[in-house]
Amino acid sequence: MGHKIRVEVNGRVVEREVEAHTLLVHFLREDLALTGTNVGCETSLCGSCTVWMDGEAVKSCTQLAVQADGTTVTTIEGMRTGDEMHPMQQAFWEEHGLQCGYCTPGMIMATSALLKHNSNPSEGEIREALKGNVCRCTGYHNIVKAVQRAAQGGS
């Protein structure tokens, strides 16, 4: 039996019928074709599925789609403004804060949420905010530099 949900995703209101057990990450990827949000561990440990729900960073692999009913969800695809990258996306690009890129959408979503609450975080605060996001390719050094660059206003 399906449940009708209404969610604003990246500025567009969508209404769909979903099964009660459908995870938000699968709803975004499979129903809405927003594949920038990655499925990693499906246990909330890796953070590759991080999105914003009502402006707060959440791991979409542990949220049911029905829990998103009536909320506003922003995915990595919704971070751009037209052809212009979000400042955090630009900083990751400029500081080489990625290697394979699989974790990058979740990292950008988590660190952008950090800057919404703390516009000038210390290195320790950045690393603390990244605890829930795993990268197996980098040593996090350039990721931290990217967040610092975005906090300073970019280039």
N, C-alpha and C. Protein backbone atom coordinates (compact mmCIF):
# COMPACT_ATOMS: atom_id res chain seq x y z
N MET A 1 0.84 -1.18 0.00
CA MET A 1 0.00 0.00 0.00
C MET A 1 0.88 1.24 0.00
N GLY A 2 0.63 2.16 -0.91
CA GLY A 2 1.43 3.37 -1.04
C GLY A 2 0.93 4.51 -0.18
N HIS A 3 1.80 5.46 0.02
CA HIS A 3 1.49 6.68 0.77
C HIS A 3 1.81 7.86 -0.12
N LYS A 4 0.89 8.78 -0.23
CA LYS A 4 1.11 9.97 -1.05
C LYS A 4 1.92 10.98 -0.24
N ILE A 5 2.99 11.47 -0.87
CA ILE A 5 3.80 12.50 -0.21
C ILE A 5 3.92 13.70 -1.13
N ARG A 6 4.14 14.83 -0.51
CA ARG A 6 4.35 16.09 -1.23
C ARG A 6 5.60 16.72 -0.63
N VAL A 7 6.62 16.88 -1.47
CA VAL A 7 7.92 17.37 -1.02
C VAL A 7 8.42 18.43 -1.98
N GLU A 8 9.00 19.49 -1.46
CA GLU A 8 9.67 20.45 -2.32
C GLU A 8 11.12 20.01 -2.42
N VAL A 9 11.55 19.66 -3.62
CA VAL A 9 12.92 19.19 -3.84
C VAL A 9 13.61 20.15 -4.80
N ASN A 10 14.66 20.76 -4.32
CA ASN A 10 15.45 21.71 -5.13
C ASN A 10 14.57 22.78 -5.76
N GLY A 11 13.59 23.26 -4.98
CA GLY A 11 12.74 24.35 -5.43
C GLY A 11 11.54 23.92 -6.26
N ARG A 12 11.36 22.62 -6.46
CA ARG A 12 10.24 22.12 -7.26
C ARG A 12 9.37 21.21 -6.40
N VAL A 13 8.08 21.47 -6.36
CA VAL A 13 7.17 20.64 -5.57
C VAL A 13 6.85 19.38 -6.36
N VAL A 14 7.02 18.23 -5.70
CA VAL A 14 6.70 16.95 -6.32
C VAL A 14 5.73 16.20 -5.43
N GLU A 15 4.81 15.53 -6.07
CA GLU A 15 3.87 14.66 -5.37
C GLU A 15 4.01 13.27 -5.96
N ARG A 16 4.19 12.30 -5.09
CA ARG A 16 4.36 10.92 -5.53
C ARG A 16 3.73 9.99 -4.50
N GLU A 17 3.46 8.79 -4.96
CA GLU A 17 3.04 7.74 -4.06
C GLU A 17 4.24 6.84 -3.84
N VAL A 18 4.56 6.58 -2.57
CA VAL A 18 5.72 5.76 -2.22
C VAL A 18 5.30 4.67 -1.25
N GLU A 19 6.06 3.61 -1.26
CA GLU A 19 5.85 2.55 -0.27
C GLU A 19 6.36 3.03 1.08
N ALA A 20 5.79 2.53 2.14
CA ALA A 20 6.16 2.96 3.49
C ALA A 20 7.63 2.73 3.80
N HIS A 21 8.23 1.72 3.21
CA HIS A 21 9.61 1.37 3.51
C HIS A 21 10.64 2.04 2.58
N THR A 22 10.21 2.88 1.66
CA THR A 22 11.12 3.51 0.71
C THR A 22 12.00 4.53 1.42
N LEU A 23 13.31 4.35 1.30
CA LEU A 23 14.24 5.31 1.87
C LEU A 23 14.28 6.58 1.04
N LEU A 24 14.52 7.70 1.70
CA LEU A 24 14.59 8.98 1.00
C LEU A 24 15.65 8.95 -0.09
N VAL A 25 16.80 8.35 0.16
CA VAL A 25 17.86 8.29 -0.85
C VAL A 25 17.38 7.56 -2.10
N HIS A 26 16.61 6.49 -1.95
CA HIS A 26 16.10 5.76 -3.11
C HIS A 26 15.01 6.56 -3.82
N PHE A 27 14.18 7.26 -3.06
CA PHE A 27 13.17 8.13 -3.65
C PHE A 27 13.83 9.19 -4.53
N LEU A 28 14.87 9.83 -4.00
CA LEU A 28 15.57 10.87 -4.75
C LEU A 28 16.22 10.32 -6.01
N ARG A 29 16.91 9.21 -5.87
CA ARG A 29 17.66 8.64 -7.00
C ARG A 29 16.75 7.96 -8.03
N GLU A 30 15.83 7.14 -7.54
CA GLU A 30 15.04 6.31 -8.46
C GLU A 30 13.77 6.99 -8.95
N ASP A 31 13.07 7.67 -8.08
CA ASP A 31 11.82 8.31 -8.49
C ASP A 31 12.05 9.67 -9.14
N LEU A 32 13.04 10.42 -8.65
CA LEU A 32 13.26 11.77 -9.15
C LEU A 32 14.51 11.89 -10.03
N ALA A 33 15.27 10.81 -10.20
CA ALA A 33 16.48 10.78 -11.03
C ALA A 33 17.53 11.79 -10.59
N LEU A 34 17.59 12.06 -9.29
CA LEU A 34 18.61 12.95 -8.72
C LEU A 34 19.74 12.07 -8.19
N THR A 35 20.61 11.68 -9.09
CA THR A 35 21.62 10.67 -8.76
C THR A 35 22.90 11.24 -8.15
N GLY A 36 22.94 12.53 -7.89
CA GLY A 36 24.10 13.11 -7.21
C GLY A 36 24.19 12.66 -5.76
N THR A 37 23.07 12.34 -5.16
CA THR A 37 23.05 11.81 -3.81
C THR A 37 23.40 10.33 -3.91
N ASN A 38 24.51 9.95 -3.32
CA ASN A 38 25.01 8.59 -3.48
C ASN A 38 24.56 7.66 -2.36
N VAL A 39 24.46 6.39 -2.70
CA VAL A 39 24.19 5.34 -1.72
C VAL A 39 25.53 4.71 -1.38
N GLY A 40 25.89 4.78 -0.12
CA GLY A 40 27.15 4.18 0.30
C GLY A 40 26.89 2.99 1.18
N CYS A 41 26.79 3.24 2.46
CA CYS A 41 26.71 2.15 3.43
C CYS A 41 25.28 1.76 3.80
N GLU A 42 24.33 2.66 3.62
CA GLU A 42 22.93 2.49 4.03
C GLU A 42 22.78 2.24 5.53
N THR A 43 23.74 2.72 6.30
CA THR A 43 23.67 2.60 7.77
C THR A 43 23.96 3.93 8.45
N SER A 44 24.10 4.99 7.71
CA SER A 44 24.39 6.36 8.15
C SER A 44 25.84 6.58 8.58
N LEU A 45 26.72 5.64 8.30
CA LEU A 45 28.11 5.79 8.72
C LEU A 45 28.99 6.57 7.75
N CYS A 46 28.69 6.50 6.44
CA CYS A 46 29.63 7.09 5.47
C CYS A 46 29.28 8.52 5.07
N GLY A 47 28.01 8.91 5.11
CA GLY A 47 27.61 10.28 4.80
C GLY A 47 27.50 10.62 3.33
N SER A 48 27.70 9.67 2.43
CA SER A 48 27.64 9.99 1.00
C SER A 48 26.22 10.34 0.55
N CYS A 49 25.24 10.04 1.39
CA CYS A 49 23.84 10.31 1.05
C CYS A 49 23.31 11.60 1.68
N THR A 50 24.19 12.43 2.24
CA THR A 50 23.76 13.63 2.96
C THR A 50 23.03 14.61 2.05
N VAL A 51 21.87 15.05 2.50
CA VAL A 51 21.07 16.09 1.85
C VAL A 51 20.62 17.06 2.94
N TRP A 52 19.97 18.12 2.54
CA TRP A 52 19.36 19.02 3.52
C TRP A 52 17.87 18.76 3.55
N MET A 53 17.33 18.64 4.74
CA MET A 53 15.90 18.57 4.92
C MET A 53 15.52 19.74 5.81
N ASP A 54 14.71 20.64 5.27
CA ASP A 54 14.36 21.87 5.96
C ASP A 54 15.61 22.60 6.45
N GLY A 55 16.65 22.60 5.62
CA GLY A 55 17.86 23.36 5.90
C GLY A 55 18.88 22.68 6.79
N GLU A 56 18.58 21.50 7.28
CA GLU A 56 19.52 20.78 8.14
C GLU A 56 20.07 19.56 7.41
N ALA A 57 21.34 19.28 7.61
CA ALA A 57 21.97 18.12 6.98
C ALA A 57 21.42 16.85 7.61
N VAL A 58 20.95 15.93 6.76
CA VAL A 58 20.46 14.62 7.22
C VAL A 58 21.02 13.55 6.28
N LYS A 59 21.12 12.37 6.80
CA LYS A 59 21.57 11.24 5.99
C LYS A 59 20.33 10.57 5.43
N SER A 60 20.17 10.67 4.13
CA SER A 60 18.94 10.22 3.49
C SER A 60 18.80 8.71 3.42
N CYS A 61 19.83 7.97 3.81
CA CYS A 61 19.72 6.51 3.84
C CYS A 61 19.04 6.02 5.11
N THR A 62 18.85 6.91 6.07
CA THR A 62 18.16 6.52 7.30
C THR A 62 16.86 7.29 7.50
N GLN A 63 16.46 8.02 6.47
CA GLN A 63 15.19 8.74 6.48
C GLN A 63 14.25 8.04 5.51
N LEU A 64 13.05 7.82 5.92
CA LEU A 64 12.05 7.29 5.00
C LEU A 64 11.50 8.42 4.15
N ALA A 65 11.13 8.11 2.94
CA ALA A 65 10.55 9.12 2.06
C ALA A 65 9.29 9.73 2.67
N VAL A 66 8.50 8.91 3.38
CA VAL A 66 7.28 9.44 4.00
C VAL A 66 7.61 10.46 5.09
N GLN A 67 8.81 10.37 5.68
CA GLN A 67 9.22 11.36 6.68
C GLN A 67 9.52 12.71 6.03
N ALA A 68 9.74 12.72 4.74
CA ALA A 68 10.01 13.96 4.02
C ALA A 68 8.73 14.67 3.59
N ASP A 69 7.58 14.04 3.78
CA ASP A 69 6.31 14.65 3.40
C ASP A 69 6.17 16.02 4.07
N GLY A 70 5.92 17.04 3.27
CA GLY A 70 5.72 18.39 3.78
C GLY A 70 7.01 19.15 4.05
N THR A 71 8.15 18.59 3.70
CA THR A 71 9.43 19.25 3.96
C THR A 71 10.01 19.83 2.68
N THR A 72 11.10 20.53 2.84
CA THR A 72 11.90 21.04 1.74
C THR A 72 13.21 20.29 1.76
N VAL A 73 13.54 19.64 0.65
CA VAL A 73 14.77 18.86 0.53
C VAL A 73 15.67 19.51 -0.52
N THR A 74 16.93 19.65 -0.19
CA THR A 74 17.92 20.14 -1.14
C THR A 74 18.98 19.07 -1.32
N THR A 75 19.24 18.74 -2.58
CA THR A 75 20.28 17.78 -2.91
C THR A 75 21.46 18.53 -3.53
N ILE A 76 22.52 17.83 -3.83
CA ILE A 76 23.68 18.47 -4.45
C ILE A 76 23.29 19.15 -5.76
N GLU A 77 22.32 18.60 -6.48
CA GLU A 77 21.89 19.22 -7.73
C GLU A 77 21.24 20.58 -7.49
N GLY A 78 20.68 20.79 -6.31
CA GLY A 78 20.03 22.04 -5.98
C GLY A 78 20.96 23.10 -5.44
N MET A 79 22.24 22.81 -5.33
CA MET A 79 23.19 23.78 -4.78
C MET A 79 23.60 24.83 -5.81
N ARG A 80 23.57 24.48 -7.06
CA ARG A 80 23.96 25.42 -8.12
C ARG A 80 22.91 26.52 -8.26
N THR A 81 23.36 27.65 -8.73
CA THR A 81 22.45 28.73 -9.12
C THR A 81 22.70 28.97 -10.60
N GLY A 82 21.81 28.42 -11.42
CA GLY A 82 22.01 28.51 -12.87
C GLY A 82 23.28 27.78 -13.25
N ASP A 83 24.20 28.49 -13.89
CA ASP A 83 25.48 27.92 -14.29
C ASP A 83 26.56 28.11 -13.23
N GLU A 84 26.22 28.77 -12.14
CA GLU A 84 27.21 29.11 -11.12
C GLU A 84 27.21 28.08 -10.00
N MET A 85 28.40 27.57 -9.70
CA MET A 85 28.53 26.61 -8.60
C MET A 85 28.31 27.29 -7.26
N HIS A 86 27.83 26.52 -6.31
CA HIS A 86 27.74 26.98 -4.93
C HIS A 86 29.17 27.27 -4.46
N PRO A 87 29.37 28.25 -3.58
CA PRO A 87 30.73 28.55 -3.10
C PRO A 87 31.48 27.33 -2.55
N MET A 88 30.78 26.40 -1.91
CA MET A 88 31.47 25.22 -1.39
C MET A 88 31.89 24.31 -2.53
N GLN A 89 31.06 24.17 -3.55
CA GLN A 89 31.45 23.39 -4.72
C GLN A 89 32.68 24.00 -5.38
N GLN A 90 32.68 25.31 -5.52
CA GLN A 90 33.82 26.01 -6.13
C GLN A 90 35.07 25.81 -5.29
N ALA A 91 34.95 25.89 -3.99
CA ALA A 91 36.11 25.72 -3.11
C ALA A 91 36.67 24.31 -3.19
N PHE A 92 35.79 23.30 -3.25
CA PHE A 92 36.26 21.92 -3.42
C PHE A 92 37.03 21.79 -4.73
N TRP A 93 36.54 22.42 -5.77
CA TRP A 93 37.20 22.39 -7.08
C TRP A 93 38.58 23.06 -6.98
N GLU A 94 38.61 24.26 -6.42
CA GLU A 94 39.86 25.03 -6.37
C GLU A 94 40.90 24.40 -5.46
N GLU A 95 40.48 23.78 -4.39
CA GLU A 95 41.42 23.20 -3.42
C GLU A 95 41.67 21.71 -3.65
N HIS A 96 41.12 21.17 -4.72
CA HIS A 96 41.29 19.74 -5.04
C HIS A 96 40.84 18.88 -3.85
N GLY A 97 39.66 19.19 -3.35
CA GLY A 97 39.11 18.49 -2.18
C GLY A 97 38.40 17.20 -2.53
N LEU A 98 38.82 16.58 -3.60
CA LEU A 98 38.20 15.31 -4.00
C LEU A 98 39.19 14.50 -4.79
N GLN A 99 38.96 13.22 -4.82
CA GLN A 99 39.73 12.35 -5.71
C GLN A 99 38.74 11.59 -6.58
N CYS A 100 38.19 10.50 -6.08
CA CYS A 100 37.24 9.76 -6.92
C CYS A 100 35.91 10.51 -7.03
N GLY A 101 35.55 11.29 -6.02
CA GLY A 101 34.35 12.10 -6.05
C GLY A 101 33.10 11.45 -5.47
N TYR A 102 33.17 10.19 -5.09
CA TYR A 102 31.97 9.50 -4.61
C TYR A 102 31.42 10.15 -3.34
N CYS A 103 32.29 10.51 -2.42
CA CYS A 103 31.84 11.10 -1.16
C CYS A 103 31.57 12.60 -1.27
N THR A 104 32.03 13.21 -2.35
CA THR A 104 32.02 14.67 -2.47
C THR A 104 30.64 15.31 -2.31
N PRO A 105 29.57 14.80 -2.92
CA PRO A 105 28.27 15.45 -2.70
C PRO A 105 27.89 15.50 -1.21
N GLY A 106 28.07 14.40 -0.51
CA GLY A 106 27.76 14.38 0.91
C GLY A 106 28.64 15.31 1.71
N MET A 107 29.92 15.37 1.35
CA MET A 107 30.86 16.28 2.03
C MET A 107 30.44 17.74 1.82
N ILE A 108 30.07 18.07 0.59
CA ILE A 108 29.66 19.44 0.29
C ILE A 108 28.38 19.80 1.05
N MET A 109 27.44 18.88 1.09
CA MET A 109 26.19 19.15 1.80
C MET A 109 26.44 19.32 3.30
N ALA A 110 27.27 18.46 3.89
CA ALA A 110 27.55 18.53 5.32
C ALA A 110 28.33 19.79 5.68
N THR A 111 29.35 20.12 4.89
CA THR A 111 30.17 21.28 5.23
C THR A 111 29.45 22.60 4.93
N SER A 112 28.59 22.61 3.94
CA SER A 112 27.77 23.82 3.70
C SER A 112 26.82 24.05 4.85
N ALA A 113 26.28 22.98 5.41
CA ALA A 113 25.42 23.10 6.59
C ALA A 113 26.21 23.63 7.77
N LEU A 114 27.45 23.18 7.91
CA LEU A 114 28.32 23.69 8.98
C LEU A 114 28.45 25.20 8.86
N LEU A 115 28.75 25.68 7.66
CA LEU A 115 28.95 27.12 7.48
C LEU A 115 27.68 27.94 7.69
N LYS A 116 26.53 27.32 7.54
CA LYS A 116 25.28 28.02 7.84
C LYS A 116 25.17 28.33 9.33
N HIS A 117 25.75 27.46 10.14
CA HIS A 117 25.68 27.61 11.60
C HIS A 117 26.93 28.24 12.21
N ASN A 118 28.04 28.13 11.50
CA ASN A 118 29.32 28.64 11.99
C ASN A 118 30.09 29.15 10.78
N SER A 119 30.05 30.44 10.55
CA SER A 119 30.63 31.01 9.34
C SER A 119 32.16 31.05 9.34
N ASN A 120 32.77 30.81 10.49
CA ASN A 120 34.23 30.85 10.57
C ASN A 120 34.74 29.72 11.48
N PRO A 121 34.54 28.48 11.05
CA PRO A 121 34.95 27.37 11.91
C PRO A 121 36.46 27.18 11.94
N SER A 122 36.94 26.69 13.08
CA SER A 122 38.35 26.33 13.18
C SER A 122 38.59 25.01 12.46
N GLU A 123 39.85 24.66 12.27
CA GLU A 123 40.16 23.38 11.64
C GLU A 123 39.56 22.23 12.45
N GLY A 124 39.64 22.32 13.76
CA GLY A 124 39.07 21.28 14.62
C GLY A 124 37.56 21.16 14.46
N GLU A 125 36.88 22.30 14.34
CA GLU A 125 35.43 22.29 14.16
C GLU A 125 35.05 21.71 12.80
N ILE A 126 35.86 21.99 11.79
CA ILE A 126 35.60 21.41 10.47
C ILE A 126 35.76 19.91 10.53
N ARG A 127 36.84 19.45 11.12
CA ARG A 127 37.08 18.00 11.22
C ARG A 127 36.00 17.33 12.06
N GLU A 128 35.53 17.99 13.09
CA GLU A 128 34.43 17.44 13.91
C GLU A 128 33.16 17.32 13.08
N ALA A 129 32.87 18.33 12.26
CA ALA A 129 31.67 18.30 11.42
C ALA A 129 31.75 17.21 10.36
N LEU A 130 32.96 16.83 9.99
CA LEU A 130 33.16 15.80 8.96
C LEU A 130 33.20 14.39 9.54
N LYS A 131 33.06 14.25 10.84
CA LYS A 131 33.13 12.92 11.46
C LYS A 131 32.16 11.93 10.84
N GLY A 132 31.02 12.38 10.41
CA GLY A 132 30.01 11.50 9.86
C GLY A 132 30.12 11.29 8.36
N ASN A 133 31.20 11.76 7.76
CA ASN A 133 31.42 11.60 6.33
C ASN A 133 32.77 10.94 6.10
N VAL A 134 32.74 9.83 5.40
CA VAL A 134 33.95 9.05 5.18
C VAL A 134 34.45 9.23 3.75
N CYS A 135 35.75 9.47 3.64
CA CYS A 135 36.42 9.50 2.35
C CYS A 135 37.54 8.49 2.41
N ARG A 136 37.56 7.58 1.47
CA ARG A 136 38.60 6.56 1.47
C ARG A 136 39.76 6.91 0.56
N CYS A 137 39.67 8.04 -0.13
CA CYS A 137 40.71 8.39 -1.10
C CYS A 137 41.68 9.46 -0.59
N THR A 138 41.18 10.39 0.21
CA THR A 138 42.01 11.53 0.61
C THR A 138 42.38 11.43 2.08
N GLY A 139 43.25 12.29 2.49
CA GLY A 139 43.59 12.41 3.91
C GLY A 139 42.84 13.54 4.56
N TYR A 140 41.81 14.05 3.91
CA TYR A 140 40.96 15.13 4.39
C TYR A 140 41.64 16.50 4.38
N HIS A 141 42.93 16.56 4.16
CA HIS A 141 43.65 17.84 4.21
C HIS A 141 43.05 18.85 3.23
N ASN A 142 42.89 18.47 1.98
CA ASN A 142 42.35 19.40 0.98
C ASN A 142 40.86 19.66 1.18
N ILE A 143 40.15 18.73 1.77
CA ILE A 143 38.74 18.96 2.09
C ILE A 143 38.64 20.06 3.13
N VAL A 144 39.48 19.98 4.16
CA VAL A 144 39.49 21.02 5.20
C VAL A 144 39.88 22.36 4.58
N LYS A 145 40.89 22.36 3.71
CA LYS A 145 41.28 23.60 3.03
C LYS A 145 40.14 24.18 2.22
N ALA A 146 39.36 23.32 1.57
CA ALA A 146 38.22 23.78 0.77
C ALA A 146 37.17 24.45 1.65
N VAL A 147 36.89 23.87 2.80
CA VAL A 147 35.91 24.46 3.72
C VAL A 147 36.43 25.80 4.24
N GLN A 148 37.71 25.87 4.56
CA GLN A 148 38.29 27.13 5.02
C GLN A 148 38.20 28.19 3.92
N ARG A 149 38.44 27.80 2.68
CA ARG A 149 38.37 28.73 1.56
C ARG A 149 36.93 29.23 1.40
N ALA A 150 35.96 28.33 1.46
CA ALA A 150 34.56 28.73 1.32
C ALA A 150 34.16 29.66 2.47
N ALA A 151 34.67 29.39 3.67
CA ALA A 151 34.35 30.24 4.82
C ALA A 151 34.93 31.66 4.65
N GLN A 152 36.05 31.75 3.94
CA GLN A 152 36.69 33.04 3.71
C GLN A 152 36.11 33.78 2.52
N GLY A 153 35.13 33.17 1.88
CA GLY A 153 34.48 33.83 0.76
C GLY A 153 35.00 33.41 -0.60
N GLY A 154 35.65 32.26 -0.67
CA GLY A 154 36.09 31.75 -1.97
C GLY A 154 37.45 32.22 -2.35
N SER A 155 37.65 32.39 -3.64
CA SER A 155 38.97 32.75 -4.20
C SER A 155 39.44 34.00 -3.56
